[in-house]
Amino acid sequence: MLFYYLDLAGVAVFAVSGVLAARDRKLDLLGVIVVAAITAIGGGTLRDLLLNRHPIFWVTDSWYLIVIIATALLTVAYVRIRPVPGITLLVADTLGLALFALSGTQLAEAAHCPPLIVVLMGTMTGVTGGILRDVITAQIPLILRREIYATAAIGGIAVYLVLSAFGLPRPFAFGGGMIVVVVLRLTAMRWRLHLPVFYQP
């Protein structure tokens, strides 16, 4: 049950990031909700399709859509009353990345996928929604901006798998993996760290 609520929390956080990304794109209210929804459930939908999990998670549990719509409307109302600092989008995206990467990892584990596929599925669950959000709002996706983004997800997932392999209870391993994702991402943003760039003149 705890992981279910964490999944809903991840949906809410990514919905917030979707609204914040759409705030200056002159979309109507429905358009904003659509961006929020795609951001929040895009990665999980692709994960479920690849893992052949049918029906898709949000089709059988309408609470996901309810949380998305409610979060989007509340965020729109808040933004109209009080300006939100630009860093808020990046922080919300980081929290969503951490939650979804680890929840996707656990679902891939439950499907008895090999470790490499577990890492790929977890990473994909975390980053796909943000990619779709950025593409729809005509921005260069974070994952393509020399950012420590997917790398942070991979690092957190790896820590989770190692902690689990050493017998740490899954909730603690989950929390440890999330902390690693958040710390890596925020540290990279604070100090402008990025992976080496391949350039052939």
Protein backbone atom coordinates (compact mmCIF):
# COMPACT_ATOMS: atom_id res chain seq x y z
CA MET A 1 0.00 0.00 0.00
CA LEU A 2 2.87 2.36 0.77
CA PHE A 3 4.28 1.96 -2.74
CA TYR A 4 0.84 2.65 -4.22
CA TYR A 5 0.67 5.98 -2.39
CA LEU A 6 4.23 6.76 -3.45
CA ASP A 7 3.20 6.07 -7.04
CA LEU A 8 0.28 8.49 -6.70
CA ALA A 9 2.68 11.02 -5.20
CA GLY A 10 4.97 10.60 -8.21
CA VAL A 11 2.02 11.16 -10.53
CA ALA A 12 1.10 14.34 -8.65
CA VAL A 13 4.66 15.69 -8.73
CA PHE A 14 5.07 15.03 -12.44
CA ALA A 15 1.65 16.60 -13.08
CA VAL A 16 2.91 19.74 -11.34
CA SER A 17 6.00 19.76 -13.55
CA GLY A 18 3.77 19.38 -16.61
CA VAL A 19 1.67 22.39 -15.62
CA LEU A 20 4.74 24.50 -14.88
CA ALA A 21 6.25 23.60 -18.25
CA ALA A 22 3.03 24.58 -20.03
CA ARG A 23 2.39 27.83 -18.15
CA ASP A 24 3.92 30.15 -20.78
CA ARG A 25 2.83 28.17 -23.86
CA LYS A 26 -0.59 29.84 -24.17
CA LEU A 27 -2.52 26.59 -23.79
CA ASP A 28 -6.13 26.47 -22.65
CA LEU A 29 -7.06 24.65 -19.45
CA LEU A 30 -7.71 21.36 -21.25
CA GLY A 31 -4.35 21.61 -22.98
CA VAL A 32 -2.61 22.15 -19.66
CA ILE A 33 -4.34 19.09 -18.16
CA VAL A 34 -3.35 17.01 -21.20
CA VAL A 35 0.30 18.03 -20.80
CA ALA A 36 0.11 17.23 -17.07
CA ALA A 37 -1.39 13.81 -17.81
CA ILE A 38 1.13 12.89 -20.48
CA THR A 39 3.95 13.93 -18.17
CA ALA A 40 2.53 11.97 -15.24
CA ILE A 41 1.58 8.68 -16.90
CA GLY A 42 3.61 8.62 -20.11
CA GLY A 43 6.54 6.66 -18.69
CA GLY A 44 4.38 4.19 -16.80
CA THR A 45 2.21 3.59 -19.86
CA LEU A 46 5.21 2.75 -22.05
CA ARG A 47 6.61 0.53 -19.28
CA ASP A 48 3.35 -1.42 -19.00
CA LEU A 49 3.16 -1.87 -22.76
CA LEU A 50 6.71 -3.23 -22.95
CA LEU A 51 6.18 -5.52 -19.95
CA ASN A 52 2.85 -6.67 -21.42
CA ARG A 53 0.97 -5.56 -18.31
CA HIS A 54 -2.67 -5.28 -19.37
CA PRO A 55 -4.80 -3.37 -18.82
CA ILE A 56 -2.61 -0.30 -18.38
CA PHE A 57 -2.40 0.80 -14.73
CA TRP A 58 -4.43 4.00 -15.06
CA VAL A 59 -7.20 2.27 -17.02
CA THR A 60 -8.10 0.04 -14.07
CA ASP A 61 -7.49 2.64 -11.34
CA SER A 62 -9.14 5.99 -12.01
CA TRP A 63 -7.43 7.51 -8.97
CA TYR A 64 -4.41 8.20 -11.15
CA LEU A 65 -6.44 10.42 -13.46
CA ILE A 66 -8.28 12.03 -10.55
CA VAL A 67 -4.97 12.92 -8.89
CA ILE A 68 -3.61 14.31 -12.17
CA ILE A 69 -6.65 16.51 -12.84
CA ALA A 70 -6.91 17.74 -9.26
CA THR A 71 -3.18 18.48 -9.06
CA ALA A 72 -3.20 20.28 -12.40
CA LEU A 73 -6.17 22.48 -11.43
CA LEU A 74 -4.70 23.31 -8.03
CA THR A 75 -1.34 24.15 -9.59
CA VAL A 76 -2.96 26.40 -12.19
CA ALA A 77 -4.89 28.20 -9.45
CA TYR A 78 -1.77 28.61 -7.32
CA VAL A 79 0.35 29.90 -10.20
CA ARG A 80 -2.28 32.51 -11.08
CA ILE A 81 -2.20 33.80 -7.50
CA ARG A 82 1.49 33.59 -6.75
CA PRO A 83 4.48 33.35 -9.13
CA VAL A 84 6.47 30.15 -8.88
CA PRO A 85 10.31 30.32 -9.01
CA GLY A 86 11.81 28.78 -12.13
CA ILE A 87 13.77 26.25 -10.07
CA THR A 88 10.46 24.73 -8.91
CA LEU A 89 9.99 22.93 -12.23
CA LEU A 90 13.41 21.30 -11.98
CA VAL A 91 12.88 20.25 -8.36
CA ALA A 92 9.41 18.82 -9.11
CA ASP A 93 10.83 16.99 -12.10
CA THR A 94 13.65 15.57 -9.94
CA LEU A 95 11.23 14.22 -7.33
CA GLY A 96 9.04 12.69 -10.03
CA LEU A 97 12.09 11.16 -11.69
CA ALA A 98 13.18 9.53 -8.42
CA LEU A 99 9.74 8.17 -7.53
CA PHE A 100 8.98 6.80 -10.98
CA ALA A 101 12.42 5.34 -11.62
CA LEU A 102 12.26 3.30 -8.42
CA SER A 103 8.61 2.27 -8.80
CA GLY A 104 9.29 1.18 -12.39
CA THR A 105 12.26 -0.80 -11.16
CA GLN A 106 10.12 -2.70 -8.67
CA LEU A 107 7.50 -3.54 -11.28
CA ALA A 108 10.19 -4.84 -13.62
CA GLU A 109 11.57 -6.93 -10.75
CA ALA A 110 8.10 -8.35 -10.10
CA ALA A 111 7.95 -9.34 -13.77
CA HIS A 112 11.20 -11.33 -13.22
CA CYS A 113 13.18 -9.29 -15.73
CA PRO A 114 17.00 -9.66 -15.85
CA PRO A 115 18.91 -6.95 -13.92
CA LEU A 116 19.86 -4.98 -17.05
CA ILE A 117 16.24 -4.86 -18.20
CA VAL A 118 15.19 -3.85 -14.69
CA VAL A 119 17.54 -0.86 -14.88
CA LEU A 120 16.32 0.05 -18.36
CA MET A 121 12.65 -0.22 -17.41
CA GLY A 122 13.13 1.84 -14.26
CA THR A 123 15.06 4.54 -16.12
CA MET A 124 12.53 4.63 -18.94
CA THR A 125 9.65 4.93 -16.48
CA GLY A 126 11.38 7.91 -14.88
CA VAL A 127 12.42 9.85 -17.97
CA THR A 128 9.76 9.21 -20.63
CA GLY A 129 7.10 11.49 -19.15
CA GLY A 130 9.55 14.39 -18.98
CA ILE A 131 10.66 13.78 -22.57
CA LEU A 132 7.05 13.82 -23.81
CA ARG A 133 6.32 16.97 -21.77
CA ASP A 134 9.30 18.82 -23.23
CA VAL A 135 8.55 17.73 -26.80
CA ILE A 136 4.89 18.79 -26.56
CA THR A 137 5.82 22.17 -25.07
CA ALA A 138 8.48 22.70 -27.76
CA GLN A 139 11.49 22.53 -25.47
CA ILE A 140 14.69 20.56 -25.77
CA PRO A 141 14.18 17.52 -23.51
CA LEU A 142 16.21 17.63 -20.29
CA ILE A 143 17.73 14.27 -21.15
CA LEU A 144 19.35 15.86 -24.24
CA ARG A 145 20.74 18.97 -22.53
CA ARG A 146 24.00 17.50 -21.21
CA GLU A 147 22.15 17.09 -17.92
CA ILE A 148 22.80 14.48 -15.24
CA TYR A 149 19.27 13.16 -15.66
CA ALA A 150 18.94 9.59 -16.87
CA THR A 151 22.35 9.00 -15.28
CA ALA A 152 20.91 9.99 -11.90
CA ALA A 153 18.06 7.52 -12.36
CA ILE A 154 20.48 4.74 -13.30
CA GLY A 155 22.64 5.51 -10.25
CA GLY A 156 19.66 5.41 -7.89
CA ILE A 157 18.37 2.17 -9.38
CA ALA A 158 21.80 0.58 -9.08
CA VAL A 159 22.00 1.55 -5.40
CA TYR A 160 18.51 0.11 -4.81
CA LEU A 161 19.49 -3.20 -6.45
CA VAL A 162 22.73 -3.43 -4.47
CA LEU A 163 21.00 -2.66 -1.17
CA SER A 164 18.31 -5.22 -1.94
CA ALA A 165 20.93 -7.81 -2.85
CA PHE A 166 22.55 -7.31 0.55
CA GLY A 167 19.25 -8.04 2.26
CA LEU A 168 18.13 -4.54 3.21
CA PRO A 169 14.30 -4.39 3.48
CA ARG A 170 12.78 -3.11 0.26
CA PRO A 171 11.29 0.09 1.74
CA PHE A 172 14.73 1.14 2.99
CA ALA A 173 16.40 0.14 -0.29
CA PHE A 174 13.70 2.12 -2.13
CA GLY A 175 14.36 5.17 0.03
CA GLY A 176 18.12 4.85 -0.43
CA GLY A 177 17.74 4.68 -4.20
CA MET A 178 15.45 7.71 -4.23
CA ILE A 179 17.88 9.74 -2.15
CA VAL A 180 20.70 8.92 -4.56
CA VAL A 181 18.62 10.05 -7.58
CA VAL A 182 17.67 13.33 -5.90
CA VAL A 183 21.17 14.07 -4.59
CA LEU A 184 22.84 13.32 -7.93
CA ARG A 185 20.35 15.43 -9.86
CA LEU A 186 20.31 18.42 -7.52
CA THR A 187 24.09 18.36 -7.07
CA ALA A 188 24.54 18.34 -10.84
CA MET A 189 22.17 21.31 -11.19
CA ARG A 190 23.83 23.24 -8.37
CA TRP A 191 27.38 22.77 -9.65
CA ARG A 192 26.52 22.55 -13.37
CA LEU A 193 27.97 19.07 -13.69
CA HIS A 194 27.44 17.06 -16.84
CA LEU A 195 28.75 14.02 -18.63
CA PRO A 196 31.67 14.37 -21.05
CA VAL A 197 30.54 15.58 -24.44
CA PHE A 198 31.48 13.69 -27.59
CA TYR A 199 32.59 16.14 -30.25
CA GLN A 200 34.38 15.38 -33.48
CA PRO A 201 35.60 18.56 -35.23
